[in-house]
Amino acid sequence: MDTKKILFYNVVLSIVIFCLASCNCNDDSEQAKSNLSYLSLSTNDYVNMANEDITIFKEAYKRMCIVKDNGFYKTKWTSGEQINISDDLFNFFINMINNSNSLYLNSSRLKKIKTRCEGDGDTGNCGQWAISSVIKSYGGNTTETDVCNWVRAMTNVLNHPVDFTNVCNNYFQGYYISIDNNTFNDNNGYLQQGNQAILVIRHNGSNIGHAVVFIRRVDQCVFYYDSNGQNCVPISDIVGGYEITGLRK
């Protein structure tokens, strides 16, 4: 047999064996469970996991067999015991699913990323909150109201809403980043030291987005914070972002 074909078949076989050993999403049997080693993390600090825990986290994520159906994430499992992972790990992934699904369900009530600041008062818009929050983390004192006033003034000048990236360009040194499955994979899931990023969460088929501040990526999960605190969504929910290298003088 041709050497290249032999190599190809060996690679395919290795992938199949790995997948079977990791998790069979269609096998509910006790025997399937018994073939899986028990997975538990040594920490409850998911954002700052060390490499050993990240390896465990990735394996647990595979076992969860999370799929998307009609815009909503779901898993067939109802407990960590079914796939031999700790309750803490299982509950983390369930909370991530619920958070993403709630954003999708409530998307009609989220502020548009264009940060129009029309009829909403001076606070409460996720875009202006994220911008103000990052500015303050760099030592600046720009408020949500300041951002909103600038957007309103520019909207009047341009006679159309200001794009979110242009708003960021007014306050930050940085650039737009497109998101794919390789984004944030370098540097152990963190940005370069001193950099920050504002990300846009948006679901397929919706023109409504939610602006958040990036913390770290671990496997398929992106940690962020917004005005409600720290949370996490699958990276497939992130449609774009703006990486910040500093404040604009």
Foldseek 3Di string as FASTA:
>chain_A
DDPVVVVVVVVVVVVVVVLQLLADLVDQDPVSQVSHEAADAPDLPVLPDDPVNLVSLQSLVSHQVWDADPQAIDGPDDACSSNRYDRSSVVQVVQQRVVSVVCVVCLVVADALLLQLPPPPQDDHQLLQALQVVCVVQVHHDHSNNLSVVQNVVCVVVVHGHGSVVSCVVWFPWFKDFDDQCPQPPPVFADPPQKWKWWWFDTPPDSGTGIWIWRGDRRQKTWTATPVGIGIYGSVRTGIMIMGNGTDD
